[in-house]
Amino acid sequence: MRERRANPVGRAATANVPRITLGGLRLAVLDLEQTANFMIEMVFPQRRVNRPLYLTSANGEVLARCSTEPMTDRLFRAADLINADGQPLVTVSRFKSSMPLPERVATTDLFHVVAGKAQAAGLTFYLLGADETENAAAVACVRKQYPDLKIVGRCHGYLRGEALRAKVAEINALAPDYLWVALGIPYEQAFVAEFTPELCNVGVIKTAGGLFNFLSGSRVRAPLWMQHASLEWAWRIWLEPRRLFWRYLTTNPRALYLLLNRSRSTDIGRTHNQ
């Protein structure tokens, strides 16, 4: 895999976005609507930077993994913009920063806001990731909810080798304004690092984690009161105890430590690294 270096042109496109450091990562101080508007603005011709802008999201698990996995850390720091997809990050920012996060920017919520705006503006989507059944179901649900949204293509996330390279070339030829990549951490970030040079016709790449599971309806999000109380992780453990219990048992304490000890009370200056 080729490691992607920070692109100064991409940095210029996001230079005016305020950021704060939480848990060791620099996160965008934008609410859901502002993030969606930024994504819409970035795909118009006069704002293109001759390569896709790379947006990703961080939560407690991401903070913990970045602190112990150097490659994961580099992949996240290569992003042009990192949103806070975790209510605990928002809560801690209110105590640790003079410029707190306005709200959680959950990718599942962001998708719908961007989809509504893209439908009105005639912009295009491509959905890459999950298995074939889940991907097809997610796209079918999106098309039903947004009948005028232009989805130029879709593909599951299990291609490898030459088949994957051929698919990347196909995506680039389709030139979607938004490529949603749902391969899981850190595979979706690694995909961006490797294939950005071959996706110069794409406007924005947004990593999406388990987004397609929620779009298809195979998973249900936590009740709003649990989301607002920073307890969505408990809901997810209840739904998938075998897969998630030990993950959260190890990452949650580390994430809390990082939030309390690697956050800045002020973070006005901007650097070339997140």
Protein backbone atom coordinates (compact mmCIF):
# COMPACT_ATOMS: atom_id res chain seq x y z
CA MET A 1 0.00 0.00 0.00
CA ARG A 2 1.30 3.45 -0.89
CA GLU A 3 1.14 5.85 2.02
CA ARG A 4 -0.69 9.01 1.07
CA ARG A 5 1.03 12.28 1.93
CA ALA A 6 -0.90 15.35 2.93
CA ASN A 7 -1.80 17.37 -0.14
CA PRO A 8 -1.19 21.12 0.30
CA VAL A 9 -3.95 21.96 -2.19
CA GLY A 10 -6.41 19.89 -0.19
CA ARG A 11 -5.22 21.58 2.97
CA ALA A 12 -5.88 24.97 1.38
CA ALA A 13 -9.46 23.91 0.62
CA THR A 14 -10.06 23.21 4.32
CA ALA A 15 -7.82 25.92 5.78
CA ASN A 16 -10.70 28.05 7.02
CA VAL A 17 -12.38 25.24 8.92
CA PRO A 18 -11.86 25.74 12.68
CA ARG A 19 -10.35 22.77 14.51
CA ILE A 20 -9.58 21.71 18.06
CA THR A 21 -7.43 18.91 19.40
CA LEU A 22 -9.28 16.20 21.29
CA GLY A 23 -7.65 12.98 22.40
CA GLY A 24 -4.66 13.72 20.16
CA LEU A 25 -6.53 14.30 16.87
CA ARG A 26 -7.51 17.63 15.34
CA LEU A 27 -11.26 17.64 14.76
CA ALA A 28 -13.45 20.00 12.75
CA VAL A 29 -15.57 22.37 14.82
CA LEU A 30 -18.60 22.09 12.55
CA ASP A 31 -22.15 21.02 13.17
CA LEU A 32 -24.07 18.61 10.96
CA GLU A 33 -25.51 21.25 8.65
CA GLN A 34 -22.19 23.07 8.28
CA THR A 35 -20.41 19.81 7.42
CA ALA A 36 -23.01 18.96 4.78
CA ASN A 37 -22.80 22.46 3.30
CA PHE A 38 -19.01 22.19 3.19
CA MET A 39 -19.27 18.89 1.31
CA ILE A 40 -21.70 20.41 -1.18
CA GLU A 41 -19.50 23.44 -1.79
CA MET A 42 -16.40 21.33 -2.35
CA VAL A 43 -17.69 19.50 -5.43
CA PHE A 44 -18.47 22.44 -7.65
CA PRO A 45 -15.89 22.99 -10.45
CA GLN A 46 -14.46 26.21 -9.09
CA ARG A 47 -13.70 24.46 -5.77
CA ARG A 48 -12.23 21.21 -7.15
CA VAL A 49 -8.60 20.50 -6.15
CA ASN A 50 -7.77 17.91 -8.86
CA ARG A 51 -8.07 15.05 -6.40
CA PRO A 52 -10.85 13.96 -4.05
CA LEU A 53 -11.07 15.58 -0.67
CA TYR A 54 -10.80 12.96 2.04
CA LEU A 55 -13.18 13.20 4.98
CA THR A 56 -13.29 10.73 7.84
CA SER A 57 -14.71 10.55 11.35
CA ALA A 58 -13.38 9.81 14.82
CA ASN A 59 -14.94 8.41 17.97
CA GLY A 60 -13.50 6.95 21.16
CA GLU A 61 -12.44 3.74 19.46
CA VAL A 62 -10.58 5.71 16.79
CA LEU A 63 -8.75 7.78 19.41
CA ALA A 64 -7.72 4.63 21.25
CA ARG A 65 -6.55 2.84 18.12
CA CYS A 66 -4.64 5.83 16.80
CA SER A 67 -2.73 5.97 20.09
CA THR A 68 -1.58 2.32 19.80
CA GLU A 69 -1.54 1.64 16.04
CA PRO A 70 0.96 3.88 14.20
CA MET A 71 -0.39 3.03 10.74
CA THR A 72 -3.97 3.81 11.76
CA ASP A 73 -2.77 7.08 13.24
CA ARG A 74 -1.03 8.06 9.99
CA LEU A 75 -4.08 7.16 7.92
CA PHE A 76 -6.33 9.40 10.00
CA ARG A 77 -3.87 12.28 10.10
CA ALA A 78 -3.75 12.22 6.28
CA ALA A 79 -7.44 13.22 6.17
CA ASP A 80 -8.36 16.69 4.98
CA LEU A 81 -11.07 16.86 7.63
CA ILE A 82 -12.01 14.73 10.65
CA ASN A 83 -15.49 14.99 12.14
CA ALA A 84 -16.41 13.98 15.69
CA ASP A 85 -18.72 10.96 15.44
CA GLY A 86 -19.02 10.36 19.17
CA GLN A 87 -21.05 12.13 21.83
CA PRO A 88 -18.34 11.72 24.51
CA LEU A 89 -16.02 13.83 22.36
CA VAL A 90 -18.62 16.59 22.23
CA THR A 91 -19.18 16.43 25.99
CA VAL A 92 -15.47 16.55 26.87
CA SER A 93 -14.87 19.41 24.43
CA ARG A 94 -17.25 21.58 26.46
CA PHE A 95 -14.94 21.27 29.46
CA LYS A 96 -11.56 21.14 27.74
CA SER A 97 -11.79 23.72 24.97
CA SER A 98 -12.68 27.36 24.60
CA MET A 99 -14.11 26.38 21.18
CA PRO A 100 -16.19 23.26 21.89
CA LEU A 101 -17.73 21.00 19.29
CA PRO A 102 -21.29 22.19 18.52
CA GLU A 103 -22.68 18.67 18.15
CA ARG A 104 -21.91 15.14 17.14
CA VAL A 105 -21.63 14.65 13.38
CA ALA A 106 -22.70 11.03 13.01
CA THR A 107 -22.03 9.67 9.54
CA THR A 108 -25.49 8.09 9.43
CA ASP A 109 -27.08 11.50 10.01
CA LEU A 110 -24.64 13.28 7.70
CA PHE A 111 -25.44 10.93 4.82
CA HIS A 112 -29.11 11.90 4.85
CA VAL A 113 -28.42 15.64 5.04
CA VAL A 114 -25.95 15.44 2.15
CA ALA A 115 -28.29 13.18 0.17
CA GLY A 116 -31.10 15.71 0.44
CA LYS A 117 -28.87 18.56 -0.67
CA ALA A 118 -27.24 16.49 -3.44
CA GLN A 119 -30.66 15.46 -4.77
CA ALA A 120 -31.68 19.11 -5.03
CA ALA A 121 -28.39 20.11 -6.67
CA GLY A 122 -28.21 17.19 -9.12
CA LEU A 123 -25.02 15.78 -7.60
CA THR A 124 -24.03 12.13 -7.78
CA PHE A 125 -23.25 9.30 -5.34
CA TYR A 126 -21.34 6.02 -5.51
CA LEU A 127 -21.63 3.53 -2.63
CA LEU A 128 -18.74 1.12 -2.05
CA GLY A 129 -18.60 -1.37 0.78
CA ALA A 130 -20.29 -4.08 2.88
CA ASP A 131 -21.24 -7.40 1.31
CA GLU A 132 -23.32 -7.68 -1.85
CA THR A 133 -26.63 -8.27 -0.09
CA GLU A 134 -26.15 -5.42 2.35
CA ASN A 135 -24.88 -3.03 -0.31
CA ALA A 136 -27.79 -3.76 -2.65
CA ALA A 137 -30.32 -3.37 0.17
CA ALA A 138 -28.78 -0.08 1.30
CA VAL A 139 -28.87 1.37 -2.21
CA ALA A 140 -32.46 0.20 -2.74
CA CYS A 141 -33.53 1.96 0.46
CA VAL A 142 -31.68 5.14 -0.46
CA ARG A 143 -33.28 5.19 -3.91
CA LYS A 144 -36.71 4.75 -2.35
CA GLN A 145 -36.11 7.57 0.14
CA TYR A 146 -34.44 9.90 -2.38
CA PRO A 147 -35.99 9.01 -5.75
CA ASP A 148 -34.28 11.87 -7.62
CA LEU A 149 -30.82 11.28 -6.15
CA LYS A 150 -28.37 10.25 -8.87
CA ILE A 151 -26.58 7.08 -7.73
CA VAL A 152 -24.17 6.32 -10.56
CA GLY A 153 -22.97 3.02 -9.18
CA ARG A 154 -22.46 0.69 -6.28
CA CYS A 155 -20.26 -2.26 -5.35
CA HIS A 156 -19.63 -4.55 -2.41
CA GLY A 157 -16.37 -4.21 -0.51
CA TYR A 158 -14.80 -7.63 -1.09
CA LEU A 159 -12.87 -7.07 -4.30
CA ARG A 160 -9.12 -7.61 -4.24
CA GLY A 161 -6.14 -7.33 -6.59
CA GLU A 162 -6.83 -6.62 -10.22
CA ALA A 163 -10.59 -6.79 -9.75
CA LEU A 164 -10.36 -3.98 -7.21
CA ARG A 165 -8.11 -1.88 -9.45
CA ALA A 166 -10.53 -2.34 -12.34
CA LYS A 167 -13.39 -1.25 -10.10
CA VAL A 168 -11.45 1.85 -8.99
CA ALA A 169 -10.88 2.74 -12.66
CA GLU A 170 -14.60 2.28 -13.30
CA ILE A 171 -15.49 4.54 -10.36
CA ASN A 172 -13.11 7.21 -11.61
CA ALA A 173 -14.66 7.04 -15.09
CA LEU A 174 -18.13 7.48 -13.55
CA ALA A 175 -16.79 10.57 -11.72
CA PRO A 176 -19.20 10.61 -8.76
CA ASP A 177 -19.32 13.79 -6.72
CA TYR A 178 -19.37 11.66 -3.56
CA LEU A 179 -17.81 8.27 -2.99
CA TRP A 180 -19.01 6.70 0.27
CA VAL A 181 -16.55 4.00 1.36
CA ALA A 182 -17.80 1.60 4.04
CA LEU A 183 -15.08 -0.97 4.66
CA GLY A 184 -14.49 -0.54 8.39
CA ILE A 185 -11.52 0.93 10.23
CA PRO A 186 -8.72 1.04 9.13
CA TYR A 187 -9.46 -0.63 5.79
CA GLU A 188 -11.51 2.24 4.39
CA GLN A 189 -8.79 4.73 5.36
CA ALA A 190 -6.20 2.45 3.75
CA PHE A 191 -8.31 2.33 0.59
CA VAL A 192 -8.25 6.12 0.41
CA ALA A 193 -4.49 6.18 0.96
CA GLU A 194 -3.85 3.69 -1.83
CA PHE A 195 -6.32 4.77 -4.48
CA THR A 196 -6.63 8.54 -4.19
CA PRO A 197 -4.17 9.04 -7.10
CA GLU A 198 -6.47 6.91 -9.32
CA LEU A 199 -9.66 8.77 -8.30
CA CYS A 200 -8.91 12.26 -9.58
CA ASN A 201 -12.43 12.60 -11.06
CA VAL A 202 -14.13 12.03 -7.70
CA GLY A 203 -15.19 15.10 -5.70
CA VAL A 204 -15.24 13.92 -2.09
CA ILE A 205 -14.45 10.57 -0.47
CA LYS A 206 -16.21 10.05 2.84
CA THR A 207 -15.40 6.99 4.92
CA ALA A 208 -18.58 5.50 6.30
CA GLY A 209 -17.94 2.61 8.71
CA GLY A 210 -21.18 0.70 9.30
CA LEU A 211 -23.34 3.23 7.45
CA PHE A 212 -24.78 0.76 4.94
CA ASN A 213 -26.08 -1.48 7.73
CA PHE A 214 -28.17 1.42 9.00
CA LEU A 215 -29.26 2.48 5.53
CA SER A 216 -30.47 -1.03 4.75
CA GLY A 217 -32.27 -1.34 8.07
CA SER A 218 -30.35 -4.44 9.18
CA ARG A 219 -29.16 -2.49 12.22
CA VAL A 220 -31.13 -0.06 14.34
CA ARG A 221 -29.55 2.95 16.02
CA ALA A 222 -29.76 3.51 19.74
CA PRO A 223 -32.67 5.55 21.11
CA LEU A 224 -32.00 9.29 21.05
CA TRP A 225 -31.73 9.50 24.83
CA MET A 226 -28.89 6.96 24.76
CA GLN A 227 -27.15 8.83 21.94
CA HIS A 228 -27.38 12.12 23.85
CA ALA A 229 -26.20 10.44 27.07
CA SER A 230 -23.05 9.08 25.36
CA LEU A 231 -24.36 5.52 25.76
CA GLU A 232 -24.65 4.39 22.14
CA TRP A 233 -21.69 2.07 22.75
CA ALA A 234 -23.80 0.22 25.38
CA TRP A 235 -26.63 -0.19 22.87
CA ARG A 236 -24.21 -1.62 20.33
CA ILE A 237 -22.79 -4.06 22.88
CA TRP A 238 -26.33 -5.20 23.68
CA LEU A 239 -26.92 -5.87 19.98
CA GLU A 240 -23.55 -7.53 19.28
CA PRO A 241 -22.03 -8.65 22.60
CA ARG A 242 -19.58 -11.21 21.22
CA ARG A 243 -18.09 -8.87 18.67
CA LEU A 244 -18.03 -5.64 20.65
CA PHE A 245 -17.75 -6.39 24.39
CA TRP A 246 -13.98 -6.79 24.55
CA ARG A 247 -13.41 -4.04 22.00
CA TYR A 248 -15.18 -1.44 24.10
CA LEU A 249 -13.77 -2.84 27.35
CA THR A 250 -10.29 -2.02 26.09
CA THR A 251 -10.90 1.11 24.00
CA ASN A 252 -13.31 3.06 26.21
CA PRO A 253 -10.94 3.54 29.20
CA ARG A 254 -8.08 4.47 26.88
CA ALA A 255 -10.26 6.92 24.97
CA LEU A 256 -11.35 8.59 28.22
CA TYR A 257 -7.72 8.92 29.30
CA LEU A 258 -6.78 10.46 25.94
CA LEU A 259 -9.70 12.88 26.02
CA LEU A 260 -8.73 14.09 29.47
CA ASN A 261 -4.99 14.25 28.85
CA ARG A 262 -4.46 14.91 25.14
CA SER A 263 -6.94 17.71 24.52
CA ARG A 264 -6.15 21.40 24.29
CA SER A 265 -8.03 24.19 25.98
CA THR A 266 -7.30 26.42 22.97
CA ASP A 267 -6.28 25.39 19.48
CA ILE A 268 -6.40 28.41 17.23
CA GLY A 269 -3.37 27.76 15.03
CA ARG A 270 -3.44 25.46 12.02
CA THR A 271 -0.77 23.04 10.92
CA HIS A 272 -0.25 20.76 7.94
CA ASN A 273 -1.03 17.69 10.06
CA GLN A 274 -4.33 16.90 11.70
